[in-house]
Protein backbone atom coordinates (compact mmCIF):
# COMPACT_ATOMS: atom_id res chain seq x y z
CA MET A 1 -48.59 21.04 -41.22
CA ASN A 2 -46.35 23.80 -39.51
CA THR A 3 -42.71 23.33 -40.69
CA GLY A 4 -41.44 26.40 -39.60
CA PHE A 5 -38.50 26.76 -36.91
CA ASN A 6 -39.96 27.86 -33.29
CA PHE A 7 -37.33 30.04 -31.85
CA GLU A 8 -39.35 30.22 -28.75
CA GLU A 9 -39.55 26.57 -28.24
CA MET A 10 -35.98 26.14 -28.83
CA ALA A 11 -35.07 28.82 -26.09
CA ARG A 12 -37.54 26.94 -23.60
CA SER A 13 -35.66 23.58 -24.43
CA ILE A 14 -32.28 25.15 -23.35
CA ASN A 15 -32.47 24.89 -19.69
CA ARG A 16 -30.01 23.59 -16.99
CA ARG A 17 -31.57 20.10 -16.93
CA SER A 18 -31.67 19.56 -20.62
CA PHE A 19 -28.03 20.89 -21.00
CA LEU A 20 -26.89 18.33 -18.22
CA LYS A 21 -28.93 15.47 -19.79
CA GLN A 22 -27.48 16.15 -23.48
CA SER A 23 -23.89 16.38 -21.92
CA ALA A 24 -24.36 13.15 -20.22
CA TYR A 25 -25.40 11.46 -23.38
CA GLY A 26 -22.21 12.63 -25.07
CA LEU A 27 -20.13 11.68 -22.15
CA GLY A 28 -21.59 8.23 -22.05
CA GLY A 29 -21.05 7.70 -25.51
CA MET A 30 -17.40 8.60 -25.35
CA ALA A 31 -16.91 6.50 -22.39
CA LEU A 32 -18.33 3.44 -24.05
CA ALA A 33 -16.69 4.16 -27.24
CA SER A 34 -13.25 4.24 -25.41
CA LEU A 35 -14.03 1.02 -23.62
CA PHE A 36 -15.27 -0.87 -26.64
CA SER A 37 -12.49 0.30 -28.94
CA THR A 38 -10.17 -2.33 -28.14
CA TYR A 39 -12.42 -5.35 -28.38
CA VAL A 40 -15.44 -4.23 -30.62
CA LEU A 41 -13.29 -2.31 -33.13
CA GLY A 42 -10.65 -4.84 -33.22
CA GLY A 43 -7.88 -2.77 -31.36
CA ASP A 44 -5.04 -4.31 -29.65
CA ALA A 45 -4.63 -3.83 -25.75
CA ALA A 46 -1.04 -3.66 -26.11
CA SER A 47 -0.93 -0.88 -28.83
CA SER A 48 -3.88 1.17 -27.34
CA LYS A 49 -2.89 3.62 -24.52
CA ALA A 50 -3.22 1.36 -21.51
CA GLY A 51 -4.16 2.09 -17.91
CA LEU A 52 -6.49 4.68 -16.05
CA ALA A 53 -5.63 8.26 -16.23
CA GLY A 54 -4.44 10.02 -13.30
CA ALA A 55 -5.65 13.28 -12.01
CA ILE A 56 -2.28 15.03 -11.96
CA ASP A 57 -1.24 15.68 -15.32
CA PRO A 58 1.43 16.81 -15.76
CA LEU A 59 3.25 15.80 -12.57
CA HIS A 60 4.41 18.57 -9.98
CA PHE A 61 7.94 17.17 -10.09
CA PRO A 62 9.81 14.70 -12.25
CA PRO A 63 9.16 11.49 -10.65
CA LYS A 64 11.65 9.26 -9.24
CA ALA A 65 9.21 6.47 -8.33
CA LYS A 66 6.57 5.03 -10.59
CA ARG A 67 5.02 2.42 -8.36
CA VAL A 68 5.24 1.72 -4.61
CA ILE A 69 5.22 -1.79 -2.86
CA HIS A 70 4.22 -1.67 0.87
CA LEU A 71 5.39 -4.77 2.91
CA CYS A 72 3.24 -4.19 6.00
CA MET A 73 4.09 -6.07 8.89
CA ALA A 74 0.82 -6.13 10.78
CA GLY A 75 0.88 -6.33 14.45
CA GLY A 76 3.77 -3.89 15.23
CA PRO A 77 7.37 -5.55 15.08
CA SER A 78 9.76 -4.54 17.69
CA HIS A 79 12.07 -1.94 16.73
CA LEU A 80 14.19 -2.92 19.75
CA GLU A 81 14.93 -6.36 18.13
CA SER A 82 15.20 -5.34 14.67
CA PHE A 83 16.59 -1.85 13.56
CA ASP A 84 17.20 0.05 16.72
CA TRP A 85 20.06 -1.11 19.03
CA LYS A 86 19.81 0.04 22.68
CA PRO A 87 22.71 -1.45 24.71
CA LYS A 88 21.63 0.72 27.73
CA LEU A 89 18.11 -0.97 27.62
CA ARG A 90 19.79 -4.52 27.89
CA GLU A 91 22.05 -3.12 30.96
CA LEU A 92 18.59 -2.06 32.54
CA ASP A 93 16.80 -5.41 32.01
CA GLY A 94 14.53 -6.36 34.62
CA LYS A 95 15.03 -3.13 36.60
CA ALA A 96 12.50 -0.48 37.13
CA PHE A 97 11.80 1.73 33.98
CA PRO A 98 12.60 5.33 34.52
CA ASP A 99 9.13 7.08 35.68
CA SER A 100 10.44 10.41 34.17
CA LEU A 101 9.86 8.74 30.58
CA THR A 102 6.29 7.45 30.96
CA LYS A 103 4.77 9.75 33.48
CA GLY A 104 1.51 11.02 31.78
CA GLN A 105 2.33 9.27 28.74
CA GLN A 106 -0.19 7.12 26.62
CA LEU A 107 0.35 3.34 27.11
CA ALA A 108 -1.87 0.56 25.89
CA GLN A 109 -2.18 -2.28 28.40
CA LEU A 110 0.62 -1.20 30.67
CA GLN A 111 -1.48 1.60 32.25
CA ASN A 112 -1.24 1.80 35.97
CA THR A 113 0.98 -1.19 36.14
CA VAL A 114 4.68 -1.57 37.43
CA LEU A 115 6.89 -0.89 34.50
CA LYS A 116 10.16 -2.83 34.37
CA ALA A 117 12.74 -2.69 31.42
CA ARG A 118 12.86 -5.57 29.02
CA GLY A 119 16.40 -5.68 27.26
CA PRO A 120 16.63 -6.90 23.64
CA PHE A 121 17.06 -10.58 23.41
CA VAL A 122 19.02 -10.62 20.36
CA ASP A 123 22.38 -9.21 19.25
CA PHE A 124 23.11 -6.44 16.58
CA SER A 125 26.00 -6.06 14.23
CA ARG A 126 27.01 -3.67 11.59
CA HIS A 127 26.56 -4.52 7.84
CA GLY A 128 27.96 -3.22 4.52
CA GLU A 129 30.23 -0.36 3.91
CA SER A 130 27.49 2.00 5.49
CA GLY A 131 27.81 0.11 8.63
CA GLN A 132 24.14 0.00 9.50
CA GLN A 133 23.10 -1.83 12.73
CA ILE A 134 20.83 -4.53 12.11
CA SER A 135 19.53 -7.24 14.39
CA SER A 136 20.58 -11.14 14.11
CA LEU A 137 16.95 -11.79 13.26
CA PHE A 138 17.20 -10.41 9.87
CA PRO A 139 20.50 -11.91 8.10
CA HIS A 140 18.94 -11.42 4.75
CA ILE A 141 17.48 -8.05 5.11
CA ALA A 142 21.14 -7.12 6.52
CA THR A 143 22.53 -7.83 3.09
CA LEU A 144 20.61 -4.76 1.81
CA ALA A 145 22.33 -2.35 4.15
CA ASP A 146 23.89 -0.42 1.43
CA ARG A 147 20.67 -0.40 -0.73
CA MET A 148 18.25 0.91 1.91
CA CYS A 149 17.36 3.86 4.33
CA ILE A 150 16.54 2.95 7.90
CA ILE A 151 14.26 5.31 9.68
CA ARG A 152 14.31 5.03 13.48
CA SER A 153 12.31 8.30 14.47
CA LEU A 154 8.81 7.34 13.27
CA HIS A 155 5.98 7.92 15.49
CA THR A 156 2.15 7.60 15.37
CA GLU A 157 -0.96 8.74 17.16
CA GLN A 158 -2.96 5.54 17.32
CA ILE A 159 -2.07 2.83 19.91
CA ASN A 160 -4.59 0.11 19.13
CA HIS A 161 -4.30 -1.99 15.71
CA ASP A 162 -7.25 -1.15 13.54
CA PRO A 163 -7.07 2.68 14.16
CA ALA A 164 -3.14 2.59 13.95
CA HIS A 165 -3.61 0.59 10.56
CA ALA A 166 -6.08 3.25 9.43
CA PHE A 167 -3.76 6.17 10.41
CA MET A 168 -0.75 4.67 8.76
CA ASN A 169 -2.86 4.01 5.54
CA SER A 170 -5.15 7.16 5.37
CA GLY A 171 -3.77 9.61 7.82
CA SER A 172 -6.85 9.57 9.65
CA ILE A 173 -8.85 7.28 11.95
CA ILE A 174 -12.16 8.34 10.57
CA LYS A 175 -14.00 5.78 8.45
CA GLY A 176 -14.54 6.83 4.98
CA ARG A 177 -11.23 8.52 4.20
CA PRO A 178 -9.17 7.07 1.26
CA SER A 179 -6.18 5.05 1.67
CA MET A 180 -2.59 5.93 0.34
CA GLY A 181 -2.89 3.50 -2.30
CA SER A 182 -6.26 4.85 -3.48
CA TRP A 183 -4.81 8.20 -3.33
CA LEU A 184 -1.71 7.45 -5.42
CA LEU A 185 -3.91 5.63 -8.18
CA TYR A 186 -6.14 8.56 -8.28
CA GLY A 187 -3.04 10.97 -8.57
CA LEU A 188 -0.93 8.96 -11.04
CA GLY A 189 -3.60 6.55 -12.70
CA SER A 190 -2.44 3.03 -13.65
CA GLU A 191 -0.27 1.60 -16.33
CA THR A 192 -2.33 -1.38 -16.93
CA ASP A 193 -5.61 -2.27 -18.61
CA ASN A 194 -5.86 -5.84 -17.48
CA LEU A 195 -5.30 -5.69 -13.86
CA PRO A 196 -6.34 -3.48 -10.91
CA GLY A 197 -4.04 -0.46 -10.36
CA PHE A 198 -3.96 -1.07 -6.55
CA VAL A 199 -3.58 -4.78 -5.47
CA VAL A 200 -3.54 -6.08 -1.84
CA LEU A 201 -2.15 -9.74 -0.83
CA THR A 202 -2.33 -11.05 3.00
CA SER A 203 -0.44 -13.89 4.65
CA GLN A 204 -0.30 -15.06 8.17
CA GLY A 205 2.20 -16.25 10.52
CA LYS A 206 1.97 -18.80 13.33
CA ASP A 207 1.32 -16.31 16.01
CA GLY A 208 0.37 -12.76 16.62
CA ALA A 209 -2.13 -12.78 13.49
CA GLN A 210 -4.33 -9.63 14.13
CA PRO A 211 -7.18 -9.25 11.77
CA VAL A 212 -6.92 -6.53 9.19
CA SER A 213 -10.05 -5.00 7.85
CA ALA A 214 -10.79 -4.04 4.24
CA ARG A 215 -11.32 -0.57 5.04
CA GLN A 216 -7.46 -0.36 5.17
CA TRP A 217 -7.67 -0.38 1.22
CA SER A 218 -10.83 1.65 0.84
CA SER A 219 -11.12 4.53 -1.67
CA GLY A 220 -13.39 6.36 0.76
CA TYR A 221 -14.89 9.19 -0.97
CA LEU A 222 -13.02 8.78 -4.17
CA ALA A 223 -14.64 6.67 -6.97
CA SER A 224 -14.68 3.05 -6.18
CA LYS A 225 -12.23 2.20 -9.15
CA TYR A 226 -9.49 3.75 -6.83
CA GLN A 227 -10.01 1.01 -4.04
CA GLY A 228 -7.52 -1.74 -3.55
CA ILE A 229 -8.43 -5.13 -4.69
CA LEU A 230 -7.83 -8.16 -2.40
CA LEU A 231 -6.36 -11.18 -4.49
CA GLN A 232 -6.31 -14.50 -2.89
CA SER A 233 -2.92 -15.68 -1.81
CA ARG A 234 -3.80 -19.54 -1.85
CA GLY A 235 -5.44 -21.06 -4.82
CA GLU A 236 -7.14 -19.09 -7.39
CA ALA A 237 -6.19 -15.54 -6.87
CA VAL A 238 -9.56 -14.35 -8.21
CA HIS A 239 -12.62 -16.62 -7.52
CA TYR A 240 -14.90 -17.46 -10.59
CA VAL A 241 -12.19 -15.87 -12.96
CA GLY A 242 -13.04 -18.57 -15.62
CA ASN A 243 -16.23 -18.89 -17.53
CA PRO A 244 -18.88 -21.35 -16.28
CA GLU A 245 -19.20 -24.66 -18.38
CA GLY A 246 -20.96 -23.98 -21.63
CA VAL A 247 -20.14 -20.15 -21.71
CA CYS A 248 -17.61 -19.38 -24.41
CA GLN A 249 -15.64 -16.16 -24.69
CA SER A 250 -17.69 -14.70 -27.34
CA THR A 251 -20.86 -15.24 -25.35
CA GLN A 252 -19.10 -13.85 -22.42
CA ARG A 253 -18.21 -10.70 -24.37
CA GLN A 254 -21.73 -10.24 -25.49
CA ILE A 255 -23.08 -10.20 -21.88
CA VAL A 256 -20.37 -7.69 -21.00
CA GLU A 257 -21.30 -5.56 -24.02
CA GLU A 258 -24.97 -5.62 -23.16
CA VAL A 259 -24.44 -4.82 -19.31
CA SER A 260 -22.26 -1.91 -20.47
CA ARG A 261 -24.98 -0.67 -22.89
CA LEU A 262 -27.53 -0.79 -19.96
CA ASN A 263 -25.23 1.03 -17.81
CA GLY A 264 -24.51 3.49 -20.47
CA VAL A 265 -28.32 4.19 -20.83
CA LEU A 266 -28.47 4.90 -17.12
CA ALA A 267 -25.25 7.17 -17.39
CA GLU A 268 -27.29 9.27 -20.02
CA GLU A 269 -30.08 9.83 -17.23
CA LYS A 270 -27.88 10.42 -14.19
CA LEU A 271 -24.36 12.11 -13.59
CA ASP A 272 -22.94 9.70 -11.36
CA PRO A 273 -19.28 8.83 -11.50
CA GLU A 274 -20.01 5.38 -9.91
CA ILE A 275 -22.09 4.19 -13.20
CA GLN A 276 -19.00 4.94 -15.31
CA THR A 277 -16.82 2.91 -12.72
CA ARG A 278 -19.30 -0.07 -13.09
CA ILE A 279 -18.88 0.04 -16.76
CA ALA A 280 -14.89 0.15 -16.51
CA GLN A 281 -15.02 -2.55 -13.73
CA TYR A 282 -17.31 -4.86 -16.02
CA GLU A 283 -14.61 -4.63 -18.70
CA LEU A 284 -11.61 -5.08 -16.44
CA ALA A 285 -13.16 -8.13 -15.17
CA PHE A 286 -13.50 -9.47 -18.61
CA ARG A 287 -9.80 -8.66 -19.34
CA MET A 288 -8.58 -10.15 -16.09
CA GLN A 289 -10.23 -13.57 -17.25
CA SER A 290 -7.12 -13.92 -19.28
CA SER A 291 -4.59 -11.78 -17.51
CA VAL A 292 -4.95 -13.35 -14.10
CA PRO A 293 -4.13 -16.87 -15.09
CA SER A 294 -0.77 -15.86 -16.80
CA LEU A 295 -0.21 -13.58 -13.73
CA THR A 296 -0.39 -16.59 -11.18
CA ASP A 297 1.44 -19.03 -13.35
CA PHE A 298 4.83 -19.33 -11.92
CA SER A 299 5.77 -22.31 -13.99
CA LYS A 300 8.32 -20.20 -16.09
CA GLU A 301 9.96 -18.76 -13.01
CA PRO A 302 13.35 -20.31 -12.75
CA LYS A 303 13.97 -22.59 -9.97
CA SER A 304 16.71 -20.33 -8.74
CA VAL A 305 14.31 -17.62 -8.37
CA LEU A 306 11.97 -19.68 -6.23
CA GLU A 307 14.91 -20.66 -4.25
CA ASP A 308 16.04 -17.13 -3.75
CA TYR A 309 12.63 -16.12 -2.30
CA GLY A 310 12.49 -19.25 -0.17
CA ILE A 311 9.16 -20.42 -1.85
CA LYS A 312 8.64 -24.25 -1.42
CA GLU A 313 5.36 -24.50 -3.21
CA PRO A 314 4.31 -21.39 -5.51
CA GLY A 315 0.95 -20.01 -4.69
CA ASP A 316 0.91 -21.62 -1.21
CA GLY A 317 -0.35 -18.33 0.65
CA THR A 318 3.15 -17.47 2.03
CA PHE A 319 4.72 -14.08 2.38
CA ALA A 320 7.54 -15.57 0.03
CA SER A 321 5.05 -16.45 -2.73
CA ASN A 322 3.08 -13.09 -2.24
CA CYS A 323 6.54 -11.23 -2.48
CA LEU A 324 7.15 -12.85 -6.07
CA MET A 325 3.75 -11.89 -6.97
CA ALA A 326 4.48 -8.37 -6.09
CA ARG A 327 7.31 -8.41 -8.28
CA ARG A 328 5.22 -9.84 -11.18
CA LEU A 329 2.44 -7.04 -10.55
CA ALA A 330 4.94 -4.34 -10.64
CA GLU A 331 6.23 -5.83 -14.00
CA ARG A 332 2.70 -5.60 -15.28
CA GLY A 333 1.96 -1.92 -14.46
CA VAL A 334 0.22 -2.21 -11.04
CA ARG A 335 0.58 1.21 -9.22
CA PHE A 336 0.33 0.28 -5.68
CA ILE A 337 0.93 -3.29 -4.17
CA GLN A 338 0.47 -3.80 -0.49
CA LEU A 339 1.46 -7.08 1.30
CA TYR A 340 0.16 -7.62 4.82
CA HIS A 341 1.97 -10.15 6.96
CA ARG A 342 -0.10 -10.69 10.05
CA ALA A 343 2.37 -12.18 12.72
CA TRP A 344 3.93 -9.36 14.91
CA ASP A 345 1.49 -8.93 17.89
CA HIS A 346 3.94 -10.04 20.45
CA HIS A 347 2.24 -9.54 23.91
CA ARG A 348 3.69 -12.73 25.20
CA GLU A 349 6.70 -15.16 24.31
CA ILE A 350 8.43 -12.64 22.09
CA GLU A 351 11.57 -14.60 22.38
CA LYS A 352 9.85 -17.59 21.01
CA ASN A 353 7.54 -15.90 18.33
CA MET A 354 9.39 -13.00 16.93
CA PRO A 355 12.19 -15.09 15.52
CA VAL A 356 9.59 -17.28 13.69
CA ALA A 357 7.86 -14.04 12.32
CA ALA A 358 11.21 -12.77 11.24
CA LYS A 359 12.09 -15.97 9.48
CA ASP A 360 8.78 -15.70 7.50
CA VAL A 361 9.76 -12.46 6.04
CA ASP A 362 13.34 -11.94 6.11
CA GLN A 363 14.56 -13.82 3.00
CA ALA A 364 11.72 -12.98 0.86
CA SER A 365 11.97 -9.29 1.61
CA ALA A 366 15.47 -9.18 0.64
CA ALA A 367 14.89 -11.26 -2.42
CA LEU A 368 12.13 -8.97 -3.59
CA VAL A 369 14.53 -5.93 -3.52
CA LYS A 370 17.50 -7.61 -5.20
CA ASP A 371 15.02 -9.07 -7.81
CA LEU A 372 13.66 -5.70 -8.56
CA GLU A 373 17.18 -4.35 -8.89
CA GLN A 374 18.32 -7.05 -11.31
CA ARG A 375 15.27 -6.42 -13.49
CA GLY A 376 15.84 -2.69 -13.46
CA LEU A 377 12.77 -1.98 -11.46
CA LEU A 378 14.26 -0.79 -8.23
CA GLU A 379 15.23 2.51 -9.58
CA ASP A 380 11.46 3.43 -9.91
CA THR A 381 10.02 1.19 -7.53
CA LEU A 382 9.50 2.44 -3.74
CA VAL A 383 9.77 -0.43 -1.29
CA ILE A 384 8.40 0.33 2.25
CA TRP A 385 8.81 -2.22 4.93
CA GLY A 386 7.30 -1.68 8.49
CA GLY A 387 4.42 -2.05 10.83
CA GLU A 388 1.63 0.30 12.23
CA PHE A 389 3.51 1.11 15.26
CA GLY A 390 6.55 -0.34 17.53
CA ARG A 391 6.73 -2.34 20.78
CA THR A 392 7.53 -0.97 24.39
CA PRO A 393 10.87 -0.99 25.98
CA MET A 394 9.00 -2.09 29.10
CA GLY A 395 8.15 -5.70 29.40
CA GLN A 396 4.62 -7.03 29.43
CA GLY A 397 4.90 -10.50 31.01
CA SER A 398 6.88 -12.51 28.47
CA GLY A 399 6.46 -10.14 25.63
CA ARG A 400 6.08 -6.14 24.73
CA ASP A 401 2.98 -3.92 24.47
CA HIS A 402 2.01 -1.48 21.75
CA HIS A 403 4.23 1.59 21.39
CA ILE A 404 3.50 4.73 19.52
CA LYS A 405 6.43 7.14 20.63
CA ALA A 406 9.08 5.51 18.35
CA PHE A 407 9.33 2.45 15.86
CA SER A 408 11.52 1.80 12.74
CA ILE A 409 10.72 0.96 9.05
CA TRP A 410 13.13 0.82 6.32
CA MET A 411 12.70 1.99 2.42
CA ALA A 412 14.60 1.31 -0.55
CA GLY A 413 14.70 2.28 -4.34
CA GLY A 414 12.35 4.87 -5.89
CA GLY A 415 14.61 8.05 -5.18
CA ILE A 416 15.71 7.06 -1.49
CA LYS A 417 19.12 7.53 -0.67
CA PRO A 418 20.73 4.21 -0.01
CA GLY A 419 22.88 3.13 2.86
CA MET A 420 21.90 5.57 5.50
CA THR A 421 19.96 5.69 8.97
CA TRP A 422 17.59 8.67 9.65
CA GLY A 423 16.44 9.71 12.96
CA ASN A 424 17.19 8.90 16.53
CA THR A 425 15.54 7.51 19.61
CA ASP A 426 16.57 7.95 23.20
CA GLU A 427 18.99 5.47 24.91
CA LEU A 428 16.32 3.14 25.89
CA GLY A 429 14.22 3.24 22.65
CA TYR A 430 11.22 4.85 24.34
CA SER A 431 10.78 8.11 22.40
CA TYR A 432 12.05 9.73 19.19
CA LEU A 433 14.45 12.57 19.67
CA PRO A 434 13.39 15.99 18.36
CA ASP A 435 16.58 16.58 16.62
CA GLY A 436 15.12 17.71 13.14
CA GLN A 437 15.00 14.10 12.03
CA GLU A 438 11.81 13.16 13.86
CA VAL A 439 9.36 11.61 11.17
CA ASP A 440 5.50 11.16 11.57
CA VAL A 441 3.01 9.19 9.32
CA HIS A 442 2.07 12.47 7.46
CA ASP A 443 5.67 12.91 6.56
CA LEU A 444 6.05 9.56 5.54
CA HIS A 445 2.81 10.01 3.33
CA ALA A 446 4.16 13.40 1.88
CA THR A 447 7.72 11.92 1.08
CA MET A 448 5.99 8.81 -0.64
CA LEU A 449 3.79 11.19 -3.01
CA HIS A 450 6.88 13.45 -3.59
CA LEU A 451 8.98 10.80 -4.86
CA CYS A 452 6.12 9.85 -7.19
CA GLY A 453 6.12 13.49 -8.67
CA ILE A 454 3.30 14.87 -6.63
CA ASP A 455 2.97 17.56 -4.26
CA HIS A 456 1.00 16.33 -1.33
CA LYS A 457 -0.56 19.83 -0.60
CA ARG A 458 -2.00 19.99 -4.11
CA LEU A 459 -3.41 16.62 -4.51
CA THR A 460 -6.87 17.34 -3.14
CA VAL A 461 -10.34 16.31 -3.58
CA ARG A 462 -13.30 18.81 -2.69
CA TYR A 463 -15.71 16.61 -0.49
CA GLN A 464 -18.67 17.93 1.76
CA GLY A 465 -17.56 21.31 1.14
CA ARG A 466 -14.01 20.89 2.08
CA ASP A 467 -10.86 20.40 0.11
CA PHE A 468 -9.37 17.06 1.65
CA ARG A 469 -5.88 15.59 1.02
CA LEU A 470 -3.82 12.16 2.21
CA THR A 471 -1.76 14.53 4.52
CA ASP A 472 -4.73 16.64 5.73
CA VAL A 473 -3.07 19.88 7.18
CA HIS A 474 0.05 18.19 8.14
CA GLY A 475 3.32 16.61 6.63
CA ASN A 476 6.57 17.72 5.45
CA VAL A 477 8.68 15.81 2.76
CA ILE A 478 11.83 14.15 4.45
CA ARG A 479 14.19 15.73 2.09
CA GLY A 480 17.44 14.33 3.63
CA ILE A 481 16.36 10.73 2.46
CA CYS A 482 15.53 11.64 -0.83
CA ALA A 483 18.43 11.18 -3.57
């Protein structure tokens, strides 16, 4: 038997394919070891380094915000009855709308129709020491006047709901682009081992409930571990979170370990990041069996807190319950929390339906900000409130049409200057003014990332031969609203 060392055979074995295969063995083993350490080796999740590592380490800037809560008013609330008071529009009510403003402009359903001005049907008043003008539909949000920044010059490129949501979320209408929540989770990572780093909750009003597609929280070409996870707002937050009858925790653990082992074998053969994601998600699902029930158990919340949010029955699927859930998710280290309230598509009967939608969200939105502040979380939580576009100052029967030239949002906490209004629109609320305070969606994204310590131009991923980013080739940080 020849026992000598064959240098020629060794040289033949060191090639690109064998190098990649052997590297995969090592990486797969490391990944599995890190996943099993907490449970198999008897580690403690609380004492181990929690969460998902971020791609940006160290951060580009000292962060002001650690997490983001996006309160999305799906359907497009009218800025003219919320945060942008236009007395001149009220004077013009029922009269011909100036053709000089609309000629050649993109309209949705009002194209080639006689345009008449529709004045705001509610009154505005000044609030707080800052004197911010807020409509009577939002008495609770008005109490936040000195805590928030109202942006009145936001504009977008998309005039229909689904592409407008896509543009607001991903900066593009092209399918397959990652959402801003996925980008933030990719850049910062997560602070929790036991819950997804990006969570979505939805609620619905009595009218104006446009559908919202799951692509709005997609991770696109990022690994699927960065996508948003939709939790059920009513009943069990996660279906089948408990073990079936006859399956104990130890049996479940054995199943997870075996599935992870098999996935690890596959990872040794193929360099596919989705395999590692699959391993991690099995582990996360196992941990959620214990973390989700405690997350959704509101029994220890004081009655006064439930009353502050306006919750009649915890977990009833309302926006109010979702806001309290958002606070609980923020406490547990979730990076991006997105709440959709589908109630704002007021093409008709706006005077009847908008007050109902406003009442659904007003108290809970204000309570969330105050609750975060009381718990010391507001200073590093960025809260964003607003829709995908605004509504026309021209009437559409008894309502208002979609509008992209101007709409309003507000932001609070997380490094935002409080008690200020940014940006202006013309005297009829039709278009933003190019006065240096105009804001587009890319600027909003750039500012969000900046407040979280990330330079939006440096958070990139190479895909199909090109470096992509959330803001594409656009976007400027709105430094005037940053504290």
